[in-house]
Amino acid sequence: MNPSIDPLILGEAADWMVQLQSGSATDEDRRAIAQWQGRSAQHAQAWQRAQAILGDFDSVPAAIAGDTLKRIGRKKSLGRRQALGLLLLAGPATWLAYRQKPWQLWTADQHTATGEQRSLTLPDGTRLLINTASSLNIVFTDQVRRIELLQGEVMITTAKDPAPSHRPFIVQTRHGTARALGTHFSVRVGEQSSRVAVLDGAVEMLPAHANRGLTLKAGEQGAFSGDSVAPMQPLDIGATTWENGMLLAQRMRLADLLDELGRYRRGVLRCHASVAALTVSGAFPLRDTDASLRLLQETLPVKISSLTGYWVTVEPR
């Protein structure tokens, strides 16, 4: 992300992007876009970012791509400029967060929006709690019970398989698999690795491109990439308190805490570099992130500045 691009210029780029995708763009519009992007280096950078996002949509089925852009453009809570301006700020990686084709997210069996958590009981009695901004598929066959976690995080309490022959319960991510051995555990998929935290029972982690994995027991956590497993660590209770709607921080860097809070709120939550290393301890509500930000302002030498409710910066007081 290049923070030097003026948000107003990003908003203008968003407007032009919507116009190009509207189906009514004229040659005059295209000439105007060319003139607009030539105004300054920032205009050119903003348009390059817009083109990168549009390029991602070139490989998406036309009906899905068009419908998605139209839905973004119609969002009344943000407005067309703000909604797409935030996309441009995030950059194309937002669309390809884990190197999967974007429509695999949009067509997944289960989605949660930013800030949403959803409970679900599977046919075998297994309970899922799907965390914020997550997408997953559910695959039950005669041989296996499988959750394909495409994005985000899920807490799982497995039930005894009612099928006549045992079917393993597996969570699959792009990095490999986590196989439940009768358990209560969570899996979170990130860019470089997937993380597993075990509250009860045991879970076997197996990278996609390795022959050996690692089994975690209750009270342990670990991570795996596509070809390796990180050493086991004692369970950080803060890794699972989201199940109860709380973020527990124990001497956490402010920048890291804001990154975590940002998963639960729409828009952009930024941390000024001069306060990024402040350490924070406490419990912060995830279902009311504005309250969490107020708590930070009351307990740390910081203030909350906002361009809009969707563009917030934590900076020195």
C-alpha atoms as a PDB file:
ATOM      1  CA  MET A   1       0.000   0.000   0.000  1.00  0.00           C
ATOM      2  CA  ASN A   2       1.269   3.483  -0.850  1.00  0.00           C
ATOM      3  CA  PRO A   3      -0.096   5.824   1.846  1.00  0.00           C
ATOM      4  CA  SER A   4       1.028   8.946  -0.084  1.00  0.00           C
ATOM      5  CA  ILE A   5      -1.899   8.835  -2.520  1.00  0.00           C
ATOM      6  CA  ASP A   6      -4.479  11.472  -1.601  1.00  0.00           C
ATOM      7  CA  PRO A   7      -7.800   9.824  -0.575  1.00  0.00           C
ATOM      8  CA  LEU A   8      -9.671  12.360  -2.736  1.00  0.00           C
ATOM      9  CA  ILE A   9      -7.706  11.214  -5.781  1.00  0.00           C
ATOM     10  CA  LEU A  10      -8.479   7.592  -4.916  1.00  0.00           C
ATOM     11  CA  GLY A  11     -12.149   8.582  -4.759  1.00  0.00           C
ATOM     12  CA  GLU A  12     -11.977  10.135  -8.202  1.00  0.00           C
ATOM     13  CA  ALA A  13     -10.303   6.991  -9.549  1.00  0.00           C
ATOM     14  CA  ALA A  14     -13.137   4.982  -8.007  1.00  0.00           C
ATOM     15  CA  ASP A  15     -15.695   7.123  -9.850  1.00  0.00           C
ATOM     16  CA  TRP A  16     -13.928   6.588 -13.151  1.00  0.00           C
ATOM     17  CA  MET A  17     -13.689   2.851 -12.486  1.00  0.00           C
ATOM     18  CA  VAL A  18     -17.444   2.628 -11.933  1.00  0.00           C
ATOM     19  CA  GLN A  19     -18.085   4.634 -15.104  1.00  0.00           C
ATOM     20  CA  LEU A  20     -15.933   2.285 -17.177  1.00  0.00           C
ATOM     21  CA  GLN A  21     -17.795  -0.732 -15.777  1.00  0.00           C
ATOM     22  CA  SER A  22     -21.248   0.818 -16.240  1.00  0.00           C
ATOM     23  CA  GLY A  23     -21.569  -0.169 -19.885  1.00  0.00           C
ATOM     24  CA  SER A  24     -22.251   3.442 -20.879  1.00  0.00           C
ATOM     25  CA  ALA A  25     -18.674   4.771 -21.033  1.00  0.00           C
ATOM     26  CA  THR A  26     -18.039   6.886 -24.138  1.00  0.00           C
ATOM     27  CA  ASP A  27     -14.912   7.792 -26.083  1.00  0.00           C
ATOM     28  CA  GLU A  28     -15.162  11.205 -24.419  1.00  0.00           C
ATOM     29  CA  ASP A  29     -15.077   9.508 -21.016  1.00  0.00           C
ATOM     30  CA  ARG A  30     -11.955   7.587 -21.982  1.00  0.00           C
ATOM     31  CA  ARG A  31     -10.240  10.774 -23.176  1.00  0.00           C
ATOM     32  CA  ALA A  32     -11.195  12.459 -19.908  1.00  0.00           C
ATOM     33  CA  ILE A  33      -9.720   9.556 -17.933  1.00  0.00           C
ATOM     34  CA  ALA A  34      -6.471   9.858 -19.885  1.00  0.00           C
ATOM     35  CA  GLN A  35      -6.318  13.577 -19.134  1.00  0.00           C
ATOM     36  CA  TRP A  36      -7.171  13.007 -15.469  1.00  0.00           C
ATOM     37  CA  GLN A  37      -4.423  10.431 -14.902  1.00  0.00           C
ATOM     38  CA  GLY A  38      -1.897  12.773 -16.498  1.00  0.00           C
ATOM     39  CA  ARG A  39      -2.473  15.521 -13.927  1.00  0.00           C
ATOM     40  CA  SER A  40       0.168  14.249 -11.478  1.00  0.00           C
ATOM     41  CA  ALA A  41       2.170  11.231 -10.362  1.00  0.00           C
ATOM     42  CA  GLN A  42      -0.477  10.513  -7.705  1.00  0.00           C
ATOM     43  CA  HIS A  43      -3.229  10.513 -10.327  1.00  0.00           C
ATOM     44  CA  ALA A  44      -1.216   8.060 -12.415  1.00  0.00           C
ATOM     45  CA  GLN A  45      -0.537   5.808  -9.385  1.00  0.00           C
ATOM     46  CA  ALA A  46      -4.213   5.831  -8.391  1.00  0.00           C
ATOM     47  CA  TRP A  47      -5.252   4.820 -11.893  1.00  0.00           C
ATOM     48  CA  GLN A  48      -2.633   2.064 -12.016  1.00  0.00           C
ATOM     49  CA  ARG A  49      -4.165   0.689  -8.850  1.00  0.00           C
ATOM     50  CA  ALA A  50      -7.651   0.912 -10.362  1.00  0.00           C
ATOM     51  CA  GLN A  51      -6.448  -0.911 -13.478  1.00  0.00           C
ATOM     52  CA  ALA A  52      -4.906  -3.635 -11.319  1.00  0.00           C
ATOM     53  CA  ILE A  53      -8.248  -4.245  -9.628  1.00  0.00           C
ATOM     54  CA  LEU A  54     -10.023  -4.252 -12.977  1.00  0.00           C
ATOM     55  CA  GLY A  55      -7.387  -6.670 -14.269  1.00  0.00           C
ATOM     56  CA  ASP A  56      -8.224  -9.084 -11.469  1.00  0.00           C
ATOM     57  CA  PHE A  57     -11.799  -9.089 -12.744  1.00  0.00           C
ATOM     58  CA  ASP A  58     -10.710 -10.052 -16.258  1.00  0.00           C
ATOM     59  CA  SER A  59     -10.417 -13.678 -15.093  1.00  0.00           C
ATOM     60  CA  VAL A  60     -13.759 -13.649 -13.273  1.00  0.00           C
ATOM     61  CA  PRO A  61     -16.943 -14.777 -15.053  1.00  0.00           C
ATOM     62  CA  ALA A  62     -18.559 -11.663 -16.505  1.00  0.00           C
ATOM     63  CA  ALA A  63     -21.867 -12.058 -14.680  1.00  0.00           C
ATOM     64  CA  ILE A  64     -20.156 -12.336 -11.299  1.00  0.00           C
ATOM     65  CA  ALA A  65     -17.721  -9.489 -11.906  1.00  0.00           C
ATOM     66  CA  GLY A  66     -20.371  -7.105 -13.183  1.00  0.00           C
ATOM     67  CA  ASP A  67     -22.813  -7.907 -10.413  1.00  0.00           C
ATOM     68  CA  THR A  68     -20.123  -7.457  -7.757  1.00  0.00           C
ATOM     69  CA  LEU A  69     -19.057  -4.048  -9.019  1.00  0.00           C
ATOM     70  CA  LYS A  70     -22.690  -2.945  -9.259  1.00  0.00           C
ATOM     71  CA  ARG A  71     -23.339  -4.041  -5.660  1.00  0.00           C
ATOM     72  CA  ILE A  72     -20.287  -2.109  -4.501  1.00  0.00           C
ATOM     73  CA  GLY A  73     -21.428   0.944  -6.390  1.00  0.00           C
ATOM     74  CA  ARG A  74     -24.906   0.801  -4.848  1.00  0.00           C
ATOM     75  CA  LYS A  75     -23.783   0.652  -1.199  1.00  0.00           C
ATOM     76  CA  LYS A  76     -25.756   3.455   0.400  1.00  0.00           C
ATOM     77  CA  SER A  77     -23.859   3.381   3.695  1.00  0.00           C
ATOM     78  CA  LEU A  78     -20.574   4.337   2.021  1.00  0.00           C
ATOM     79  CA  GLY A  79     -21.505   5.775  -1.333  1.00  0.00           C
ATOM     80  CA  ARG A  80     -19.918   4.769  -4.578  1.00  0.00           C
ATOM     81  CA  ARG A  81     -16.783   6.873  -4.171  1.00  0.00           C
ATOM     82  CA  GLN A  82     -16.057   5.827  -0.583  1.00  0.00           C
ATOM     83  CA  ALA A  83     -16.705   2.122  -1.128  1.00  0.00           C
ATOM     84  CA  LEU A  84     -14.423   1.797  -4.130  1.00  0.00           C
ATOM     85  CA  GLY A  85     -11.962   4.319  -2.698  1.00  0.00           C
ATOM     86  CA  LEU A  86     -11.422   1.949   0.213  1.00  0.00           C
ATOM     87  CA  LEU A  87     -10.848  -0.897  -2.226  1.00  0.00           C
ATOM     88  CA  LEU A  88      -8.244   1.172  -4.022  1.00  0.00           C
ATOM     89  CA  LEU A  89      -6.529   1.999  -0.736  1.00  0.00           C
ATOM     90  CA  ALA A  90      -6.327  -1.695   0.116  1.00  0.00           C
ATOM     91  CA  GLY A  91      -5.059  -2.549  -3.350  1.00  0.00           C
ATOM     92  CA  PRO A  92      -5.480  -5.618  -5.535  1.00  0.00           C
ATOM     93  CA  ALA A  93      -4.263  -7.976  -2.810  1.00  0.00           C
ATOM     94  CA  THR A  94      -7.683  -7.551  -1.233  1.00  0.00           C
ATOM     95  CA  TRP A  95      -9.159  -9.472  -4.161  1.00  0.00           C
ATOM     96  CA  LEU A  96      -6.508 -12.200  -4.189  1.00  0.00           C
ATOM     97  CA  ALA A  97      -5.794 -12.447  -0.488  1.00  0.00           C
ATOM     98  CA  TYR A  98      -4.739 -16.057  -0.560  1.00  0.00           C
ATOM     99  CA  ARG A  99      -4.031 -16.655  -4.264  1.00  0.00           C
ATOM    100  CA  GLN A 100      -7.416 -18.178  -4.946  1.00  0.00           C
ATOM    101  CA  LYS A 101      -9.701 -16.948  -7.710  1.00  0.00           C
ATOM    102  CA  PRO A 102     -12.047 -14.320  -6.168  1.00  0.00           C
ATOM    103  CA  TRP A 103     -15.289 -16.008  -7.208  1.00  0.00           C
ATOM    104  CA  GLN A 104     -14.370 -18.980  -4.997  1.00  0.00           C
ATOM    105  CA  LEU A 105     -14.995 -16.654  -2.051  1.00  0.00           C
ATOM    106  CA  TRP A 106     -18.218 -15.202  -3.391  1.00  0.00           C
ATOM    107  CA  THR A 107     -19.726 -18.594  -4.208  1.00  0.00           C
ATOM    108  CA  ALA A 108     -18.637 -20.400  -1.013  1.00  0.00           C
ATOM    109  CA  ASP A 109     -21.255 -22.281   1.033  1.00  0.00           C
ATOM    110  CA  GLN A 110     -20.923 -19.947   4.017  1.00  0.00           C
ATOM    111  CA  HIS A 111     -19.823 -16.306   4.286  1.00  0.00           C
ATOM    112  CA  THR A 112     -19.634 -13.847   7.123  1.00  0.00           C
ATOM    113  CA  ALA A 113     -19.407 -10.108   6.635  1.00  0.00           C
ATOM    114  CA  THR A 114     -16.861  -7.903   8.368  1.00  0.00           C
ATOM    115  CA  GLY A 115     -17.747  -7.861  12.070  1.00  0.00           C
ATOM    116  CA  GLU A 116     -20.215 -10.742  11.752  1.00  0.00           C
ATOM    117  CA  GLN A 117     -20.011 -14.084  13.552  1.00  0.00           C
ATOM    118  CA  ARG A 118     -22.326 -16.981  12.708  1.00  0.00           C
ATOM    119  CA  SER A 119     -23.116 -20.251  14.480  1.00  0.00           C
ATOM    120  CA  LEU A 120     -23.896 -23.347  12.448  1.00  0.00           C
ATOM    121  CA  THR A 121     -24.660 -26.989  13.280  1.00  0.00           C
ATOM    122  CA  LEU A 122     -23.624 -29.541  10.664  1.00  0.00           C
ATOM    123  CA  PRO A 123     -25.617 -32.699   9.812  1.00  0.00           C
ATOM    124  CA  ASP A 124     -23.409 -34.824  12.085  1.00  0.00           C
ATOM    125  CA  GLY A 125     -23.949 -32.495  15.064  1.00  0.00           C
ATOM    126  CA  THR A 126     -20.598 -30.719  14.776  1.00  0.00           C
ATOM    127  CA  ARG A 127     -20.861 -27.049  15.773  1.00  0.00           C
ATOM    128  CA  LEU A 128     -19.130 -24.241  13.896  1.00  0.00           C
ATOM    129  CA  LEU A 129     -18.640 -20.630  14.939  1.00  0.00           C
ATOM    130  CA  ILE A 130     -17.550 -18.727  11.838  1.00  0.00           C
ATOM    131  CA  ASN A 131     -15.578 -15.582  12.608  1.00  0.00           C
ATOM    132  CA  THR A 132     -15.524 -12.204  10.882  1.00  0.00           C
ATOM    133  CA  ALA A 133     -14.954 -11.921   7.105  1.00  0.00           C
ATOM    134  CA  SER A 134     -14.706 -15.665   6.572  1.00  0.00           C
ATOM    135  CA  SER A 135     -15.675 -17.986   3.724  1.00  0.00           C
ATOM    136  CA  LEU A 136     -15.854 -21.767   3.736  1.00  0.00           C
ATOM    137  CA  ASN A 137     -17.272 -24.776   1.936  1.00  0.00           C
ATOM    138  CA  ILE A 138     -18.748 -27.859   3.621  1.00  0.00           C
ATOM    139  CA  VAL A 139     -18.102 -31.241   1.997  1.00  0.00           C
ATOM    140  CA  PHE A 140     -19.661 -34.377   3.505  1.00  0.00           C
ATOM    141  CA  THR A 141     -19.239 -37.678   1.642  1.00  0.00           C
ATOM    142  CA  ASP A 142     -19.297 -41.362   2.567  1.00  0.00           C
ATOM    143  CA  GLN A 143     -15.539 -41.169   3.161  1.00  0.00           C
ATOM    144  CA  VAL A 144     -14.861 -37.802   4.818  1.00  0.00           C
ATOM    145  CA  ARG A 145     -16.248 -34.788   6.624  1.00  0.00           C
ATOM    146  CA  ARG A 146     -14.353 -31.761   5.341  1.00  0.00           C
ATOM    147  CA  ILE A 147     -14.434 -27.999   5.839  1.00  0.00           C
ATOM    148  CA  GLU A 148     -12.650 -26.010   3.141  1.00  0.00           C
ATOM    149  CA  LEU A 149     -11.635 -22.781   4.862  1.00  0.00           C
ATOM    150  CA  LEU A 150     -11.030 -20.285   2.060  1.00  0.00           C
ATOM    151  CA  GLN A 151     -10.663 -17.161   4.166  1.00  0.00           C
ATOM    152  CA  GLY A 152     -10.826 -16.109   7.794  1.00  0.00           C
ATOM    153  CA  GLU A 153     -11.315 -18.244  10.880  1.00  0.00           C
ATOM    154  CA  VAL A 154     -13.598 -20.901  12.320  1.00  0.00           C
ATOM    155  CA  MET A 155     -14.065 -22.471  15.763  1.00  0.00           C
ATOM    156  CA  ILE A 156     -15.111 -26.125  15.652  1.00  0.00           C
ATOM    157  CA  THR A 157     -16.575 -28.486  18.244  1.00  0.00           C
ATOM    158  CA  THR A 158     -16.692 -31.891  16.597  1.00  0.00           C
ATOM    159  CA  ALA A 159     -19.422 -34.428  17.219  1.00  0.00           C
ATOM    160  CA  LYS A 160     -19.217 -38.202  17.076  1.00  0.00           C
ATOM    161  CA  ASP A 161     -19.697 -39.353  13.510  1.00  0.00           C
ATOM    162  CA  PRO A 162     -23.096 -41.098  13.167  1.00  0.00           C
ATOM    163  CA  ALA A 163     -22.057 -42.876   9.950  1.00  0.00           C
ATOM    164  CA  PRO A 164     -21.584 -46.692  10.122  1.00  0.00           C
ATOM    165  CA  SER A 165     -17.934 -46.363   9.092  1.00  0.00           C
ATOM    166  CA  HIS A 166     -15.719 -43.676  10.621  1.00  0.00           C
ATOM    167  CA  ARG A 167     -15.175 -40.556   8.542  1.00  0.00           C
ATOM    168  CA  PRO A 168     -12.307 -38.259   9.558  1.00  0.00           C
ATOM    169  CA  PHE A 169     -13.111 -34.597  10.191  1.00  0.00           C
ATOM    170  CA  ILE A 170     -10.677 -32.396   8.276  1.00  0.00           C
ATOM    171  CA  VAL A 171     -10.258 -28.651   7.880  1.00  0.00           C
ATOM    172  CA  GLN A 172      -8.509 -27.906   4.611  1.00  0.00           C
ATOM    173  CA  THR A 173      -6.776 -24.602   3.838  1.00  0.00           C
ATOM    174  CA  ARG A 174      -4.534 -23.638   0.973  1.00  0.00           C
ATOM    175  CA  HIS A 175      -1.553 -24.551   3.186  1.00  0.00           C
ATOM    176  CA  GLY A 176      -2.633 -28.102   4.040  1.00  0.00           C
ATOM    177  CA  THR A 177      -4.985 -29.830   6.484  1.00  0.00           C
ATOM    178  CA  ALA A 178      -5.885 -29.924  10.158  1.00  0.00           C
ATOM    179  CA  ARG A 179      -7.374 -33.293  11.145  1.00  0.00           C
ATOM    180  CA  ALA A 180      -9.501 -33.386  14.281  1.00  0.00           C
ATOM    181  CA  LEU A 181      -9.006 -36.217  16.734  1.00  0.00           C
ATOM    182  CA  GLY A 182     -12.211 -35.590  18.752  1.00  0.00           C
ATOM    183  CA  THR A 183     -11.812 -31.982  19.723  1.00  0.00           C
ATOM    184  CA  HIS A 184     -12.654 -28.311  20.202  1.00  0.00           C
ATOM    185  CA  PHE A 185     -10.288 -26.181  18.138  1.00  0.00           C
ATOM    186  CA  SER A 186      -9.928 -23.183  15.855  1.00  0.00           C
ATOM    187  CA  VAL A 187      -8.268 -22.707  12.481  1.00  0.00           C
ATOM    188  CA  ARG A 188      -7.298 -19.367  10.979  1.00  0.00           C
ATOM    189  CA  VAL A 189      -5.929 -19.029   7.471  1.00  0.00           C
ATOM    190  CA  GLY A 190      -3.442 -16.268   6.712  1.00  0.00           C
ATOM    191  CA  GLU A 191      -1.337 -15.207   3.764  1.00  0.00           C
ATOM    192  CA  GLN A 192       1.762 -17.226   4.663  1.00  0.00           C
ATOM    193  CA  SER A 193       0.398 -19.922   6.986  1.00  0.00           C
ATOM    194  CA  SER A 194      -2.617 -21.398   8.757  1.00  0.00           C
ATOM    195  CA  ARG A 195      -2.841 -21.333  12.559  1.00  0.00           C
ATOM    196  CA  VAL A 196      -4.449 -23.931  14.807  1.00  0.00           C
ATOM    197  CA  ALA A 197      -5.378 -23.549  18.495  1.00  0.00           C
ATOM    198  CA  VAL A 198      -6.601 -26.595  20.451  1.00  0.00           C
ATOM    199  CA  LEU A 199      -8.829 -26.212  23.499  1.00  0.00           C
ATOM    200  CA  ASP A 200      -9.806 -29.875  23.890  1.00  0.00           C
ATOM    201  CA  GLY A 201      -8.735 -33.164  22.296  1.00  0.00           C
ATOM    202  CA  ALA A 202      -6.028 -33.122  19.620  1.00  0.00           C
ATOM    203  CA  VAL A 203      -5.471 -31.951  16.048  1.00  0.00           C
ATOM    204  CA  GLU A 204      -2.972 -33.222  13.483  1.00  0.00           C
ATOM    205  CA  MET A 205      -1.520 -30.538  11.199  1.00  0.00           C
ATOM    206  CA  LEU A 206      -0.165 -31.676   7.829  1.00  0.00           C
ATOM    207  CA  PRO A 207       1.310 -29.262   5.251  1.00  0.00           C
ATOM    208  CA  ALA A 208       0.183 -29.755   1.664  1.00  0.00           C
ATOM    209  CA  HIS A 209       3.712 -30.475   0.418  1.00  0.00           C
ATOM    210  CA  ALA A 210       5.243 -32.421   3.298  1.00  0.00           C
ATOM    211  CA  ASN A 211       5.127 -36.051   4.397  1.00  0.00           C
ATOM    212  CA  ARG A 212       5.193 -35.372   8.131  1.00  0.00           C
ATOM    213  CA  GLY A 213       3.088 -33.108  10.283  1.00  0.00           C
ATOM    214  CA  LEU A 214       2.607 -32.329  13.960  1.00  0.00           C
ATOM    215  CA  THR A 215      -0.110 -33.281  16.425  1.00  0.00           C
ATOM    216  CA  LEU A 216      -1.275 -30.606  18.863  1.00  0.00           C
ATOM    217  CA  LYS A 217      -2.926 -31.475  22.156  1.00  0.00           C
ATOM    218  CA  ALA A 218      -5.296 -29.472  24.350  1.00  0.00           C
ATOM    219  CA  GLY A 219      -3.617 -26.293  25.537  1.00  0.00           C
ATOM    220  CA  GLU A 220      -1.321 -26.047  22.525  1.00  0.00           C
ATOM    221  CA  GLN A 221      -1.228 -24.018  19.325  1.00  0.00           C
ATOM    222  CA  GLY A 222       0.779 -24.159  16.134  1.00  0.00           C
ATOM    223  CA  ALA A 223       0.996 -23.120  12.503  1.00  0.00           C
ATOM    224  CA  PHE A 224       1.804 -24.696   9.152  1.00  0.00           C
ATOM    225  CA  SER A 225       2.720 -23.387   5.728  1.00  0.00           C
ATOM    226  CA  GLY A 226       2.550 -25.294   2.489  1.00  0.00           C
ATOM    227  CA  ASP A 227       5.779 -27.172   3.168  1.00  0.00           C
ATOM    228  CA  SER A 228       6.605 -26.899   6.881  1.00  0.00           C
ATOM    229  CA  VAL A 229       5.220 -26.938  10.427  1.00  0.00           C
ATOM    230  CA  ALA A 230       6.192 -24.376  13.066  1.00  0.00           C
ATOM    231  CA  PRO A 231       7.156 -25.631  16.536  1.00  0.00           C
ATOM    232  CA  MET A 232       4.329 -26.171  19.007  1.00  0.00           C
ATOM    233  CA  GLN A 233       3.647 -23.358  21.492  1.00  0.00           C
ATOM    234  CA  PRO A 234       1.542 -23.129  24.654  1.00  0.00           C
ATOM    235  CA  LEU A 235      -1.974 -21.936  23.878  1.00  0.00           C
ATOM    236  CA  ASP A 236      -2.339 -18.159  23.958  1.00  0.00           C
ATOM    237  CA  ILE A 237      -5.775 -17.730  25.479  1.00  0.00           C
ATOM    238  CA  GLY A 238      -6.092 -14.492  23.538  1.00  0.00           C
ATOM    239  CA  ALA A 239      -6.194 -16.530  20.328  1.00  0.00           C
ATOM    240  CA  THR A 240      -9.592 -17.974  21.220  1.00  0.00           C
ATOM    241  CA  THR A 241     -11.412 -15.255  23.201  1.00  0.00           C
ATOM    242  CA  TRP A 242     -12.993 -14.014  19.955  1.00  0.00           C
ATOM    243  CA  GLU A 243     -15.408 -16.895  20.514  1.00  0.00           C
ATOM    244  CA  ASN A 244     -16.860 -14.774  23.337  1.00  0.00           C
ATOM    245  CA  GLY A 245     -16.667 -11.498  21.422  1.00  0.00           C
ATOM    246  CA  MET A 246     -13.518 -10.223  23.120  1.00  0.00           C
ATOM    247  CA  LEU A 247      -9.928  -9.486  22.130  1.00  0.00           C
ATOM    248  CA  LEU A 248      -7.574 -10.176  25.026  1.00  0.00           C
ATOM    249  CA  ALA A 249      -4.299  -8.272  24.737  1.00  0.00           C
ATOM    250  CA  GLN A 250      -1.276  -9.047  26.888  1.00  0.00           C
ATOM    251  CA  ARG A 251       1.487  -6.524  26.221  1.00  0.00           C
ATOM    252  CA  MET A 252       0.499  -6.402  22.565  1.00  0.00           C
ATOM    253  CA  ARG A 253       1.919  -3.775  20.212  1.00  0.00           C
ATOM    254  CA  LEU A 254      -0.701  -1.131  19.472  1.00  0.00           C
ATOM    255  CA  ALA A 255      -0.214  -1.612  15.734  1.00  0.00           C
ATOM    256  CA  ASP A 256      -0.880  -5.342  16.087  1.00  0.00           C
ATOM    257  CA  LEU A 257      -3.944  -4.751  18.239  1.00  0.00           C
ATOM    258  CA  LEU A 258      -5.365  -2.319  15.676  1.00  0.00           C
ATOM    259  CA  ASP A 259      -4.693  -4.817  12.883  1.00  0.00           C
ATOM    260  CA  GLU A 260      -6.773  -7.333  14.819  1.00  0.00           C
ATOM    261  CA  LEU A 261      -9.570  -4.853  15.595  1.00  0.00           C
ATOM    262  CA  GLY A 262      -9.560  -3.885  11.929  1.00  0.00           C
ATOM    263  CA  ARG A 263     -10.722  -7.391  11.005  1.00  0.00           C
ATOM    264  CA  TYR A 264     -14.013  -6.639  12.782  1.00  0.00           C
ATOM    265  CA  ARG A 265     -14.886  -3.215  11.352  1.00  0.00           C
ATOM    266  CA  ARG A 266     -15.565  -1.904   7.888  1.00  0.00           C
ATOM    267  CA  GLY A 267     -13.245   0.576   6.279  1.00  0.00           C
ATOM    268  CA  VAL A 268      -9.663   1.508   7.098  1.00  0.00           C
ATOM    269  CA  LEU A 269      -8.159   1.547  10.601  1.00  0.00           C
ATOM    270  CA  ARG A 270      -4.648   2.989  10.553  1.00  0.00           C
ATOM    271  CA  CYS A 271      -1.947   3.397  13.192  1.00  0.00           C
ATOM    272  CA  HIS A 272       0.458   6.345  13.176  1.00  0.00           C
ATOM    273  CA  ALA A 273       4.053   5.122  13.116  1.00  0.00           C
ATOM    274  CA  SER A 274       5.016   7.129  16.206  1.00  0.00           C
ATOM    275  CA  VAL A 275       2.608   5.187  18.460  1.00  0.00           C
ATOM    276  CA  ALA A 276       2.771   1.792  16.739  1.00  0.00           C
ATOM    277  CA  ALA A 277       5.148   0.303  19.320  1.00  0.00           C
ATOM    278  CA  LEU A 278       3.113   1.259  22.408  1.00  0.00           C
ATOM    279  CA  THR A 279       2.222  -1.855  24.409  1.00  0.00           C
ATOM    280  CA  VAL A 280      -1.364  -2.569  25.349  1.00  0.00           C
ATOM    281  CA  SER A 281      -2.954  -4.949  27.856  1.00  0.00           C
ATOM    282  CA  GLY A 282      -6.644  -5.424  28.464  1.00  0.00           C
ATOM    283  CA  ALA A 283      -9.883  -6.830  27.128  1.00  0.00           C
ATOM    284  CA  PHE A 284     -11.471  -5.141  24.119  1.00  0.00           C
ATOM    285  CA  PRO A 285     -14.975  -5.815  22.734  1.00  0.00           C
ATOM    286  CA  LEU A 286     -14.974  -7.015  19.146  1.00  0.00           C
ATOM    287  CA  ARG A 287     -18.693  -6.462  18.592  1.00  0.00           C
ATOM    288  CA  ASP A 288     -18.293  -2.749  19.378  1.00  0.00           C
ATOM    289  CA  THR A 289     -14.934  -1.695  17.994  1.00  0.00           C
ATOM    290  CA  ASP A 290     -15.785   1.985  18.495  1.00  0.00           C
ATOM    291  CA  ALA A 291     -15.923   1.264  22.239  1.00  0.00           C
ATOM    292  CA  SER A 292     -12.527  -0.431  21.982  1.00  0.00           C
ATOM    293  CA  LEU A 293     -11.084   2.634  20.280  1.00  0.00           C
ATOM    294  CA  ARG A 294     -12.516   4.900  22.968  1.00  0.00           C
ATOM    295  CA  LEU A 295     -10.917   2.689  25.615  1.00  0.00           C
ATOM    296  CA  LEU A 296      -7.543   3.073  23.901  1.00  0.00           C
ATOM    297  CA  GLN A 297      -7.981   6.837  23.814  1.00  0.00           C
ATOM    298  CA  GLU A 298      -8.789   6.895  27.537  1.00  0.00           C
ATOM    299  CA  THR A 299      -5.841   4.737  28.617  1.00  0.00           C
ATOM    300  CA  LEU A 300      -3.034   5.627  26.177  1.00  0.00           C
ATOM    301  CA  PRO A 301      -1.487   8.909  24.985  1.00  0.00           C
ATOM    302  CA  VAL A 302      -3.356   8.637  21.676  1.00  0.00           C
ATOM    303  CA  LYS A 303      -6.336  10.226  19.983  1.00  0.00           C
ATOM    304  CA  ILE A 304      -8.765   8.907  17.400  1.00  0.00           C
ATOM    305  CA  SER A 305      -9.043  10.920  14.189  1.00  0.00           C
ATOM    306  CA  SER A 306     -11.554  10.095  11.495  1.00  0.00           C
ATOM    307  CA  LEU A 307     -12.055  11.318   7.969  1.00  0.00           C
ATOM    308  CA  THR A 308     -15.330   9.396   7.998  1.00  0.00           C
ATOM    309  CA  GLY A 309     -16.584   6.551  10.158  1.00  0.00           C
ATOM    310  CA  TYR A 310     -14.866   4.279   7.638  1.00  0.00           C
ATOM    311  CA  TRP A 311     -11.463   5.965   7.662  1.00  0.00           C
ATOM    312  CA  VAL A 312      -9.971   6.117  11.171  1.00  0.00           C
ATOM    313  CA  THR A 313      -6.433   6.824  12.363  1.00  0.00           C
ATOM    314  CA  VAL A 314      -4.989   6.326  15.860  1.00  0.00           C
ATOM    315  CA  GLU A 315      -2.324   8.996  16.321  1.00  0.00           C
ATOM    316  CA  PRO A 316      -0.373  10.769  19.098  1.00  0.00           C
ATOM    317  CA  ARG A 317      -2.452  12.908  21.405  1.00  0.00           C
END
